[in-house]
C-alpha atoms as a PDB file:
ATOM      1  CA  MET A   1       0.000   0.000   0.000  1.00  0.00           C
ATOM      2  CA  THR A   2       1.423   3.399  -0.903  1.00  0.00           C
ATOM      3  CA  ASP A   3       1.229   6.407   1.349  1.00  0.00           C
ATOM      4  CA  PRO A   4      -1.335   8.876  -0.032  1.00  0.00           C
ATOM      5  CA  VAL A   5       0.514  11.920   1.268  1.00  0.00           C
ATOM      6  CA  PHE A   6       4.102  11.241   0.299  1.00  0.00           C
ATOM      7  CA  SER A   7       3.963   8.894  -2.690  1.00  0.00           C
ATOM      8  CA  ASP A   8       3.179  11.411  -5.447  1.00  0.00           C
ATOM      9  CA  PRO A   9       3.369  15.169  -4.819  1.00  0.00           C
ATOM     10  CA  ASP A  10       0.997  15.798  -7.735  1.00  0.00           C
ATOM     11  CA  ASP A  11      -1.712  13.824  -5.942  1.00  0.00           C
ATOM     12  CA  PHE A  12      -1.182  15.616  -2.636  1.00  0.00           C
ATOM     13  CA  ASN A  13      -4.338  16.287  -0.690  1.00  0.00           C
ATOM     14  CA  ALA A  14      -3.995  18.208   2.586  1.00  0.00           C
ATOM     15  CA  ARG A  15      -6.968  16.351   4.052  1.00  0.00           C
ATOM     16  CA  ASP A  16      -4.930  13.127   3.897  1.00  0.00           C
ATOM     17  CA  LEU A  17      -2.631  14.527   6.585  1.00  0.00           C
ATOM     18  CA  ALA A  18      -5.440  14.013   9.085  1.00  0.00           C
ATOM     19  CA  ASP A  19      -5.007  10.266   8.591  1.00  0.00           C
ATOM     20  CA  ILE A  20      -1.337  10.253   9.598  1.00  0.00           C
ATOM     21  CA  PRO A  21      -0.421  10.238  13.304  1.00  0.00           C
ATOM     22  CA  SER A  22       1.570  13.275  14.399  1.00  0.00           C
ATOM     23  CA  VAL A  23       4.491  11.135  15.598  1.00  0.00           C
ATOM     24  CA  GLU A  24       4.859   9.789  12.059  1.00  0.00           C
ATOM     25  CA  VAL A  25       4.793  13.259  10.493  1.00  0.00           C
ATOM     26  CA  ILE A  26       7.405  14.486  12.984  1.00  0.00           C
ATOM     27  CA  SER A  27       9.547  11.369  12.480  1.00  0.00           C
ATOM     28  CA  ARG A  28       9.419  11.709   8.702  1.00  0.00           C
ATOM     29  CA  ALA A  29      10.417  15.357   8.911  1.00  0.00           C
ATOM     30  CA  ALA A  30      13.325  14.388  11.182  1.00  0.00           C
ATOM     31  CA  VAL A  31      14.472  11.648   8.802  1.00  0.00           C
ATOM     32  CA  MET A  32      14.308  14.059   5.864  1.00  0.00           C
ATOM     33  CA  LEU A  33      16.404  16.625   7.748  1.00  0.00           C
ATOM     34  CA  MET A  34      18.892  13.915   8.797  1.00  0.00           C
ATOM     35  CA  SER A  35      19.249  12.628   5.246  1.00  0.00           C
ATOM     36  CA  ALA A  36      19.721  16.100   3.799  1.00  0.00           C
ATOM     37  CA  ALA A  37      22.293  17.002   6.467  1.00  0.00           C
ATOM     38  CA  ALA A  38      24.215  13.769   5.846  1.00  0.00           C
ATOM     39  CA  GLU A  39      24.321  14.562   2.126  1.00  0.00           C
ATOM     40  CA  ARG A  40      25.581  18.093   2.829  1.00  0.00           C
ATOM     41  CA  LEU A  41      28.259  16.664   5.107  1.00  0.00           C
ATOM     42  CA  GLY A  42      29.357  14.437   2.223  1.00  0.00           C
ATOM     43  CA  LEU A  43      28.665  11.273   4.207  1.00  0.00           C
ATOM     44  CA  ALA A  44      27.150   9.480   1.218  1.00  0.00           C
ATOM     45  CA  ASP A  45      30.488   9.583  -0.593  1.00  0.00           C
ATOM     46  CA  PRO A  46      33.586   7.434   0.018  1.00  0.00           C
ATOM     47  CA  ASP A  47      35.609  10.537   0.918  1.00  0.00           C
ATOM     48  CA  PRO A  48      33.383  13.178   2.536  1.00  0.00           C
ATOM     49  CA  ASP A  49      36.142  15.797   2.270  1.00  0.00           C
ATOM     50  CA  GLU A  50      36.091  15.477  -1.523  1.00  0.00           C
ATOM     51  CA  SER A  51      32.321  15.206  -1.947  1.00  0.00           C
ATOM     52  CA  PRO A  52      30.858  17.555  -4.558  1.00  0.00           C
ATOM     53  CA  ARG A  53      27.728  17.773  -2.369  1.00  0.00           C
ATOM     54  CA  ARG A  54      29.609  18.862   0.739  1.00  0.00           C
ATOM     55  CA  ASP A  55      28.392  22.220   2.015  1.00  0.00           C
ATOM     56  CA  LEU A  56      28.972  22.774   5.722  1.00  0.00           C
ATOM     57  CA  ASP A  57      26.958  26.003   5.797  1.00  0.00           C
ATOM     58  CA  GLU A  58      23.896  24.159   4.500  1.00  0.00           C
ATOM     59  CA  ALA A  59      24.608  21.217   6.829  1.00  0.00           C
ATOM     60  CA  ARG A  60      24.718  23.606   9.804  1.00  0.00           C
ATOM     61  CA  ARG A  61      21.268  24.937   8.937  1.00  0.00           C
ATOM     62  CA  LEU A  62      19.765  21.481   8.519  1.00  0.00           C
ATOM     63  CA  ILE A  63      21.296  20.144  11.739  1.00  0.00           C
ATOM     64  CA  THR A  64      20.091  23.174  13.674  1.00  0.00           C
ATOM     65  CA  ALA A  65      16.573  22.750  12.268  1.00  0.00           C
ATOM     66  CA  LEU A  66      16.650  19.066  13.213  1.00  0.00           C
ATOM     67  CA  ALA A  67      17.819  19.908  16.744  1.00  0.00           C
ATOM     68  CA  GLY A  68      14.989  22.399  17.131  1.00  0.00           C
ATOM     69  CA  LEU A  69      12.422  19.893  15.882  1.00  0.00           C
ATOM     70  CA  VAL A  70      13.710  17.129  18.143  1.00  0.00           C
ATOM     71  CA  THR A  71      13.900  19.374  21.200  1.00  0.00           C
ATOM     72  CA  ALA A  72      10.402  20.755  20.644  1.00  0.00           C
ATOM     73  CA  SER A  73       8.794  17.385  20.000  1.00  0.00           C
ATOM     74  CA  VAL A  74      10.757  14.897  22.121  1.00  0.00           C
ATOM     75  CA  GLU A  75       7.874  14.387  24.542  1.00  0.00           C
ATOM     76  CA  TYR A  76       5.664  13.190  21.675  1.00  0.00           C
ATOM     77  CA  LEU A  77       8.147  10.865  19.988  1.00  0.00           C
ATOM     78  CA  GLY A  78       8.004   8.041  22.528  1.00  0.00           C
ATOM     79  CA  PRO A  79      10.271   5.166  21.478  1.00  0.00           C
ATOM     80  CA  HIS A  80      11.312   7.089  18.340  1.00  0.00           C
ATOM     81  CA  ALA A  81      13.056   9.773  20.426  1.00  0.00           C
ATOM     82  CA  GLY A  82      16.193   7.741  21.204  1.00  0.00           C
ATOM     83  CA  PRO A  83      17.141   6.797  17.640  1.00  0.00           C
ATOM     84  CA  ILE A  84      16.357  10.292  16.354  1.00  0.00           C
ATOM     85  CA  ARG A  85      18.478  11.879  19.084  1.00  0.00           C
ATOM     86  CA  ASP A  86      21.306   9.430  18.320  1.00  0.00           C
ATOM     87  CA  GLY A  87      21.131  10.362  14.638  1.00  0.00           C
ATOM     88  CA  LEU A  88      21.215  14.052  15.489  1.00  0.00           C
ATOM     89  CA  GLN A  89      24.219  13.605  17.751  1.00  0.00           C
ATOM     90  CA  SER A  90      26.049  11.608  15.060  1.00  0.00           C
ATOM     91  CA  LEU A  91      25.485  14.425  12.576  1.00  0.00           C
ATOM     92  CA  GLN A  92      26.680  17.006  15.093  1.00  0.00           C
ATOM     93  CA  LYS A  93      29.860  14.981  15.690  1.00  0.00           C
ATOM     94  CA  ALA A  94      30.419  14.495  11.953  1.00  0.00           C
ATOM     95  CA  PHE A  95      30.065  18.242  11.456  1.00  0.00           C
ATOM     96  CA  ARG A  96      32.624  18.928  14.188  1.00  0.00           C
ATOM     97  CA  GLU A  97      35.052  16.379  12.721  1.00  0.00           C
ATOM     98  CA  GLY A  98      34.587  17.737   9.205  1.00  0.00           C
ATOM     99  CA  SER A  99      35.127  21.376  10.110  1.00  0.00           C
ATOM    100  CA  VAL A 100      38.515  22.903   9.396  1.00  0.00           C
ATOM    101  CA  VAL A 101      38.061  25.133  12.437  1.00  0.00           C
ATOM    102  CA  PRO A 102      35.676  23.327  14.808  1.00  0.00           C
ATOM    103  CA  ASP A 103      33.179  25.383  16.783  1.00  0.00           C
ATOM    104  CA  GLU A 104      33.669  25.773  20.505  1.00  0.00           C
ATOM    105  CA  PRO A 105      31.635  23.251  22.537  1.00  0.00           C
ATOM    106  CA  GLY A 106      28.080  24.533  22.740  1.00  0.00           C
ATOM    107  CA  GLN A 107      28.464  26.638  19.575  1.00  0.00           C
ATOM    108  CA  GLY A 108      28.105  23.888  16.958  1.00  0.00           C
ATOM    109  CA  PRO A 109      24.988  23.334  14.885  1.00  0.00           C
ATOM    110  CA  GLY A 110      21.952  22.759  17.055  1.00  0.00           C
ATOM    111  CA  GLU A 111      23.937  22.803  20.281  1.00  0.00           C
ATOM    112  CA  LYS A 112      21.956  25.738  21.615  1.00  0.00           C
ATOM    113  CA  TYR A 113      19.064  23.255  21.749  1.00  0.00           C
ATOM    114  CA  THR A 114      20.868  20.035  22.668  1.00  0.00           C
ATOM    115  CA  GLY A 115      23.801  21.228  24.724  1.00  0.00           C
ATOM    116  CA  PRO A 116      27.469  20.686  23.833  1.00  0.00           C
ATOM    117  CA  VAL A 117      28.419  17.671  21.749  1.00  0.00           C
ATOM    118  CA  TYR A 118      31.991  16.374  22.054  1.00  0.00           C
END
């Protein structure tokens, strides 16, 4: 069975969103932000430092948006919260490792929401 909301954007019907539990909408948004941030960090390529998709400025924005979403919705995520938080933290660490001049602890992407990541 295909998902009526996300399978074909041309067939999108806002009323279909009422059929999807909020935790699933939030989780899907988090996964989309995680995937986009990973791409911008170059993690899909064998050598992230040489990735043509690597853009740390864009990755910072996506990671910060993900951190805000996770922080604001953690109480609703139930068992999904742990894996999403782990994914966020992995992206924050990858950003720190990939930066030529790493941010001070607490100043990295999303750390104003999550606290320092080492």
